[in-house]
Structure formats: C-alpha cells, structure tokens
Amino acid sequence: MRIECGSTRERKIRSTLLFVFVAACGLWFAFDGWIKYPKENLEGFRKELPVEEREQVADVLPYP
C-alpha cells in the first residue's frame, strides 16, 4: 500500500507569494537597469556640458 500526500494549501499560498515577490523585484530591477539609470546618467552628462555642445552630443549618444 502506497501513501501519497499532496501539497497543503498553506504551502501553495507561500510558494505563490514568493514567486510573485521575486518576479516583481526582477521586473523592477530590470526597469532600473535598462531604462531609468541610463536616462538619468545621460541627463546628468548633458547638464555638465556647455550649452553649445549639448546638441552635438544628442546625435552621438544612443539614449534619448
């Protein structure tokens, strides 16, 4: 005779919550790394340039 036991409801809820938390953190970090920080770095770089050089750099740098 074989005895099998499935996952409890508590274990399923904890696993689901952990997955949602990890996925949300991953999306947030991806947004920061690929969109937010490059844009902020470019804006800071442009602010340090003299006004006449800002338009020339806009064509060279890949970020908006």
PDB file of N, CA and C in Angstrom:
ATOM      1  N   MET A   1       0.846  -1.176   0.000  1.00  0.00           N
ATOM      2  CA  MET A   1       0.000   0.000   0.000  1.00  0.00           C
ATOM      3  C   MET A   1       0.891   1.237   0.000  1.00  0.00           C
ATOM      4  N   ARG A   2       0.575   2.137  -0.888  1.00  0.00           N
ATOM      5  CA  ARG A   2       1.352   3.349  -1.031  1.00  0.00           C
ATOM      6  C   ARG A   2       0.591   4.544  -0.470  1.00  0.00           C
ATOM      7  N   ILE A   3       1.279   5.386   0.280  1.00  0.00           N
ATOM      8  CA  ILE A   3       0.656   6.589   0.838  1.00  0.00           C
ATOM      9  C   ILE A   3       1.242   7.791   0.126  1.00  0.00           C
ATOM     10  N   GLU A   4       0.381   8.627  -0.435  1.00  0.00           N
ATOM     11  CA  GLU A   4       0.819   9.845  -1.115  1.00  0.00           C
ATOM     12  C   GLU A   4       0.145  11.035  -0.456  1.00  0.00           C
ATOM     13  N   CYS A   5       0.902  12.099  -0.376  1.00  0.00           N
ATOM     14  CA  CYS A   5       0.367  13.310   0.236  1.00  0.00           C
ATOM     15  C   CYS A   5       0.703  14.494  -0.667  1.00  0.00           C
ATOM     16  N   GLY A   6      -0.281  15.269  -1.034  1.00  0.00           N
ATOM     17  CA  GLY A   6      -0.054  16.443  -1.866  1.00  0.00           C
ATOM     18  C   GLY A   6       0.321  17.647  -1.027  1.00  0.00           C
ATOM     19  N   SER A   7       0.554  18.740  -1.710  1.00  0.00           N
ATOM     20  CA  SER A   7       0.903  19.985  -1.009  1.00  0.00           C
ATOM     21  C   SER A   7      -0.310  20.538  -0.283  1.00  0.00           C
ATOM     22  N   THR A   8      -0.035  21.163   0.840  1.00  0.00           N
ATOM     23  CA  THR A   8      -1.119  21.782   1.585  1.00  0.00           C
ATOM     24  C   THR A   8      -1.445  23.144   0.981  1.00  0.00           C
ATOM     25  N   ARG A   9      -2.578  23.679   1.343  1.00  0.00           N
ATOM     26  CA  ARG A   9      -2.987  24.984   0.838  1.00  0.00           C
ATOM     27  C   ARG A   9      -2.030  26.076   1.309  1.00  0.00           C
ATOM     28  N   GLU A  10      -1.545  25.959   2.536  1.00  0.00           N
ATOM     29  CA  GLU A  10      -0.598  26.941   3.075  1.00  0.00           C
ATOM     30  C   GLU A  10       0.694  26.957   2.255  1.00  0.00           C
ATOM     31  N   ARG A  11       1.205  25.791   1.899  1.00  0.00           N
ATOM     32  CA  ARG A  11       2.442  25.703   1.113  1.00  0.00           C
ATOM     33  C   ARG A  11       2.237  26.317  -0.275  1.00  0.00           C
ATOM     34  N   LYS A  12       1.106  26.080  -0.887  1.00  0.00           N
ATOM     35  CA  LYS A  12       0.815  26.643  -2.207  1.00  0.00           C
ATOM     36  C   LYS A  12       0.742  28.171  -2.142  1.00  0.00           C
ATOM     37  N   ILE A  13       0.112  28.688  -1.112  1.00  0.00           N
ATOM     38  CA  ILE A  13      -0.013  30.143  -0.961  1.00  0.00           C
ATOM     39  C   ILE A  13       1.359  30.775  -0.728  1.00  0.00           C
ATOM     40  N   ARG A  14       2.165  30.172   0.138  1.00  0.00           N
ATOM     41  CA  ARG A  14       3.510  30.714   0.398  1.00  0.00           C
ATOM     42  C   ARG A  14       4.384  30.669  -0.848  1.00  0.00           C
ATOM     43  N   SER A  15       4.303  29.586  -1.595  1.00  0.00           N
ATOM     44  CA  SER A  15       5.096  29.475  -2.822  1.00  0.00           C
ATOM     45  C   SER A  15       4.655  30.501  -3.861  1.00  0.00           C
ATOM     46  N   THR A  16       3.356  30.698  -3.981  1.00  0.00           N
ATOM     47  CA  THR A  16       2.833  31.677  -4.934  1.00  0.00           C
ATOM     48  C   THR A  16       3.242  33.090  -4.540  1.00  0.00           C
ATOM     49  N   LEU A  17       3.144  33.420  -3.273  1.00  0.00           N
ATOM     50  CA  LEU A  17       3.546  34.748  -2.814  1.00  0.00           C
ATOM     51  C   LEU A  17       5.041  34.993  -3.040  1.00  0.00           C
ATOM     52  N   LEU A  18       5.853  33.994  -2.788  1.00  0.00           N
ATOM     53  CA  LEU A  18       7.290  34.121  -3.019  1.00  0.00           C
ATOM     54  C   LEU A  18       7.569  34.338  -4.502  1.00  0.00           C
ATOM     55  N   PHE A  19       6.907  33.581  -5.366  1.00  0.00           N
ATOM     56  CA  PHE A  19       7.098  33.742  -6.804  1.00  0.00           C
ATOM     57  C   PHE A  19       6.700  35.140  -7.259  1.00  0.00           C
ATOM     58  N   VAL A  20       5.562  35.642  -6.789  1.00  0.00           N
ATOM     59  CA  VAL A  20       5.102  36.988  -7.171  1.00  0.00           C
ATOM     60  C   VAL A  20       6.093  38.040  -6.685  1.00  0.00           C
ATOM     61  N   PHE A  21       6.592  37.908  -5.461  1.00  0.00           N
ATOM     62  CA  PHE A  21       7.552  38.860  -4.922  1.00  0.00           C
ATOM     63  C   PHE A  21       8.851  38.861  -5.729  1.00  0.00           C
ATOM     64  N   VAL A  22       9.373  37.689  -6.035  1.00  0.00           N
ATOM     65  CA  VAL A  22      10.626  37.592  -6.786  1.00  0.00           C
ATOM     66  C   VAL A  22      10.441  38.129  -8.207  1.00  0.00           C
ATOM     67  N   ALA A  23       9.319  37.826  -8.846  1.00  0.00           N
ATOM     68  CA  ALA A  23       9.055  38.329 -10.198  1.00  0.00           C
ATOM     69  C   ALA A  23       8.927  39.852 -10.200  1.00  0.00           C
ATOM     70  N   ALA A  24       8.245  40.410  -9.204  1.00  0.00           N
ATOM     71  CA  ALA A  24       8.087  41.869  -9.126  1.00  0.00           C
ATOM     72  C   ALA A  24       9.442  42.546  -8.915  1.00  0.00           C
ATOM     73  N   CYS A  25      10.270  42.000  -8.047  1.00  0.00           N
ATOM     74  CA  CYS A  25      11.602  42.572  -7.826  1.00  0.00           C
ATOM     75  C   CYS A  25      12.445  42.482  -9.091  1.00  0.00           C
ATOM     76  N   GLY A  26      12.370  41.381  -9.792  1.00  0.00           N
ATOM     77  CA  GLY A  26      13.122  41.224 -11.034  1.00  0.00           C
ATOM     78  C   GLY A  26      12.708  42.240 -12.078  1.00  0.00           C
ATOM     79  N   LEU A  27      11.406  42.468 -12.218  1.00  0.00           N
ATOM     80  CA  LEU A  27      10.924  43.465 -13.177  1.00  0.00           C
ATOM     81  C   LEU A  27      11.358  44.872 -12.775  1.00  0.00           C
ATOM     82  N   TRP A  28      11.304  45.153 -11.486  1.00  0.00           N
ATOM     83  CA  TRP A  28      11.716  46.476 -11.015  1.00  0.00           C
ATOM     84  C   TRP A  28      13.210  46.716 -11.279  1.00  0.00           C
ATOM     85  N   PHE A  29      14.035  45.727 -10.980  1.00  0.00           N
ATOM     86  CA  PHE A  29      15.471  45.865 -11.210  1.00  0.00           C
ATOM     87  C   PHE A  29      15.786  45.976 -12.700  1.00  0.00           C
ATOM     88  N   ALA A  30      15.060  45.256 -13.539  1.00  0.00           N
ATOM     89  CA  ALA A  30      15.264  45.345 -14.985  1.00  0.00           C
ATOM     90  C   ALA A  30      14.894  46.743 -15.478  1.00  0.00           C
ATOM     91  N   PHE A  31      13.798  47.294 -14.987  1.00  0.00           N
ATOM     92  CA  PHE A  31      13.397  48.649 -15.364  1.00  0.00           C
ATOM     93  C   PHE A  31      14.464  49.655 -14.955  1.00  0.00           C
ATOM     94  N   ASP A  32      14.957  49.532 -13.731  1.00  0.00           N
ATOM     95  CA  ASP A  32      16.003  50.448 -13.270  1.00  0.00           C
ATOM     96  C   ASP A  32      17.265  50.332 -14.112  1.00  0.00           C
ATOM     97  N   GLY A  33      17.687  49.128 -14.400  1.00  0.00           N
ATOM     98  CA  GLY A  33      18.952  48.918 -15.094  1.00  0.00           C
ATOM     99  C   GLY A  33      18.920  49.264 -16.568  1.00  0.00           C
ATOM    100  N   TRP A  34      17.796  49.004 -17.238  1.00  0.00           N
ATOM    101  CA  TRP A  34      17.739  49.202 -18.690  1.00  0.00           C
ATOM    102  C   TRP A  34      17.108  50.517 -19.110  1.00  0.00           C
ATOM    103  N   ILE A  35      16.296  51.131 -18.251  1.00  0.00           N
ATOM    104  CA  ILE A  35      15.575  52.340 -18.653  1.00  0.00           C
ATOM    105  C   ILE A  35      15.916  53.544 -17.780  1.00  0.00           C
ATOM    106  N   LYS A  36      15.713  53.421 -16.482  1.00  0.00           N
ATOM    107  CA  LYS A  36      15.815  54.574 -15.587  1.00  0.00           C
ATOM    108  C   LYS A  36      17.234  55.118 -15.449  1.00  0.00           C
ATOM    109  N   TYR A  37      18.180  54.275 -15.045  1.00  0.00           N
ATOM    110  CA  TYR A  37      19.531  54.772 -14.787  1.00  0.00           C
ATOM    111  C   TYR A  37      20.264  55.257 -16.026  1.00  0.00           C
ATOM    112  N   PRO A  38      20.161  54.588 -17.172  1.00  0.00           N
ATOM    113  CA  PRO A  38      20.818  55.151 -18.358  1.00  0.00           C
ATOM    114  C   PRO A  38      20.269  56.532 -18.724  1.00  0.00           C
ATOM    115  N   LYS A  39      18.967  56.713 -18.563  1.00  0.00           N
ATOM    116  CA  LYS A  39      18.359  58.008 -18.867  1.00  0.00           C
ATOM    117  C   LYS A  39      18.852  59.080 -17.884  1.00  0.00           C
ATOM    118  N   GLU A  40      18.905  58.745 -16.604  1.00  0.00           N
ATOM    119  CA  GLU A  40      19.394  59.701 -15.602  1.00  0.00           C
ATOM    120  C   GLU A  40      20.868  60.033 -15.822  1.00  0.00           C
ATOM    121  N   ASN A  41      21.663  59.028 -16.189  1.00  0.00           N
ATOM    122  CA  ASN A  41      23.088  59.274 -16.453  1.00  0.00           C
ATOM    123  C   ASN A  41      23.268  60.204 -17.648  1.00  0.00           C
ATOM    124  N   LEU A  42      22.486  60.011 -18.695  1.00  0.00           N
ATOM    125  CA  LEU A  42      22.575  60.855 -19.875  1.00  0.00           C
ATOM    126  C   LEU A  42      22.166  62.297 -19.549  1.00  0.00           C
ATOM    127  N   GLU A  43      21.091  62.450 -18.778  1.00  0.00           N
ATOM    128  CA  GLU A  43      20.660  63.800 -18.395  1.00  0.00           C
ATOM    129  C   GLU A  43      21.728  64.504 -17.553  1.00  0.00           C
ATOM    130  N   GLY A  44      22.332  63.784 -16.632  1.00  0.00           N
ATOM    131  CA  GLY A  44      23.397  64.374 -15.818  1.00  0.00           C
ATOM    132  C   GLY A  44      24.603  64.747 -16.659  1.00  0.00           C
ATOM    133  N   PHE A  45      24.930  63.902 -17.624  1.00  0.00           N
ATOM    134  CA  PHE A  45      26.050  64.182 -18.519  1.00  0.00           C
ATOM    135  C   PHE A  45      25.771  65.433 -19.359  1.00  0.00           C
ATOM    136  N   ARG A  46      24.551  65.555 -19.858  1.00  0.00           N
ATOM    137  CA  ARG A  46      24.198  66.723 -20.688  1.00  0.00           C
ATOM    138  C   ARG A  46      24.212  68.018 -19.876  1.00  0.00           C
ATOM    139  N   LYS A  47      23.825  67.935 -18.607  1.00  0.00           N
ATOM    140  CA  LYS A  47      23.817  69.138 -17.770  1.00  0.00           C
ATOM    141  C   LYS A  47      25.225  69.665 -17.524  1.00  0.00           C
ATOM    142  N   GLU A  48      26.211  68.772 -17.522  1.00  0.00           N
ATOM    143  CA  GLU A  48      27.586  69.192 -17.288  1.00  0.00           C
ATOM    144  C   GLU A  48      28.240  69.799 -18.527  1.00  0.00           C
ATOM    145  N   LEU A  49      27.687  69.556 -19.693  1.00  0.00           N
ATOM    146  CA  LEU A  49      28.263  70.085 -20.926  1.00  0.00           C
ATOM    147  C   LEU A  49      27.909  71.560 -21.110  1.00  0.00           C
ATOM    148  N   PRO A  50      28.746  72.295 -21.794  1.00  0.00           N
ATOM    149  CA  PRO A  50      28.362  73.648 -22.171  1.00  0.00           C
ATOM    150  C   PRO A  50      27.162  73.612 -23.123  1.00  0.00           C
ATOM    151  N   VAL A  51      26.397  74.682 -23.160  1.00  0.00           N
ATOM    152  CA  VAL A  51      25.149  74.716 -23.925  1.00  0.00           C
ATOM    153  C   VAL A  51      25.383  74.434 -25.416  1.00  0.00           C
ATOM    154  N   GLU A  52      26.420  74.976 -25.992  1.00  0.00           N
ATOM    155  CA  GLU A  52      26.642  74.795 -27.431  1.00  0.00           C
ATOM    156  C   GLU A  52      27.028  73.356 -27.801  1.00  0.00           C
ATOM    157  N   GLU A  53      27.543  72.588 -26.869  1.00  0.00           N
ATOM    158  CA  GLU A  53      27.931  71.210 -27.162  1.00  0.00           C
ATOM    159  C   GLU A  53      26.799  70.211 -26.920  1.00  0.00           C
ATOM    160  N   ARG A  54      25.733  70.594 -26.265  1.00  0.00           N
ATOM    161  CA  ARG A  54      24.644  69.668 -25.933  1.00  0.00           C
ATOM    162  C   ARG A  54      23.953  69.120 -27.176  1.00  0.00           C
ATOM    163  N   GLU A  55      23.751  69.954 -28.179  1.00  0.00           N
ATOM    164  CA  GLU A  55      23.059  69.492 -29.380  1.00  0.00           C
ATOM    165  C   GLU A  55      23.928  68.551 -30.200  1.00  0.00           C
ATOM    166  N   GLN A  56      25.234  68.729 -30.191  1.00  0.00           N
ATOM    167  CA  GLN A  56      26.120  67.844 -30.929  1.00  0.00           C
ATOM    168  C   GLN A  56      26.140  66.449 -30.308  1.00  0.00           C
ATOM    169  N   VAL A  57      26.088  66.377 -29.002  1.00  0.00           N
ATOM    170  CA  VAL A  57      26.146  65.100 -28.306  1.00  0.00           C
ATOM    171  C   VAL A  57      24.837  64.334 -28.465  1.00  0.00           C
ATOM    172  N   ALA A  58      23.737  65.023 -28.655  1.00  0.00           N
ATOM    173  CA  ALA A  58      22.436  64.367 -28.774  1.00  0.00           C
ATOM    174  C   ALA A  58      22.405  63.401 -29.953  1.00  0.00           C
ATOM    175  N   ASP A  59      23.121  63.670 -31.017  1.00  0.00           N
ATOM    176  CA  ASP A  59      23.136  62.788 -32.180  1.00  0.00           C
ATOM    177  C   ASP A  59      24.039  61.577 -31.983  1.00  0.00           C
ATOM    178  N   VAL A  60      25.020  61.685 -31.124  1.00  0.00           N
ATOM    179  CA  VAL A  60      26.011  60.615 -30.954  1.00  0.00           C
ATOM    180  C   VAL A  60      25.557  59.575 -29.942  1.00  0.00           C
ATOM    181  N   LEU A  61      24.967  60.011 -28.824  1.00  0.00           N
ATOM    182  CA  LEU A  61      24.625  59.091 -27.748  1.00  0.00           C
ATOM    183  C   LEU A  61      23.360  58.297 -28.090  1.00  0.00           C
ATOM    184  N   PRO A  62      23.316  57.012 -27.743  1.00  0.00           N
ATOM    185  CA  PRO A  62      22.206  56.153 -28.157  1.00  0.00           C
ATOM    186  C   PRO A  62      20.918  56.346 -27.374  1.00  0.00           C
ATOM    187  N   TYR A  63      20.946  56.918 -26.187  1.00  0.00           N
ATOM    188  CA  TYR A  63      19.746  57.047 -25.373  1.00  0.00           C
ATOM    189  C   TYR A  63      19.094  58.407 -25.609  1.00  0.00           C
ATOM    190  N   PRO A  64      17.759  58.446 -25.464  1.00  0.00           N
ATOM    191  CA  PRO A  64      17.043  59.726 -25.692  1.00  0.00           C
ATOM    192  C   PRO A  64      17.300  60.755 -24.642  1.00  0.00           C
TER     193      PRO A  64
END
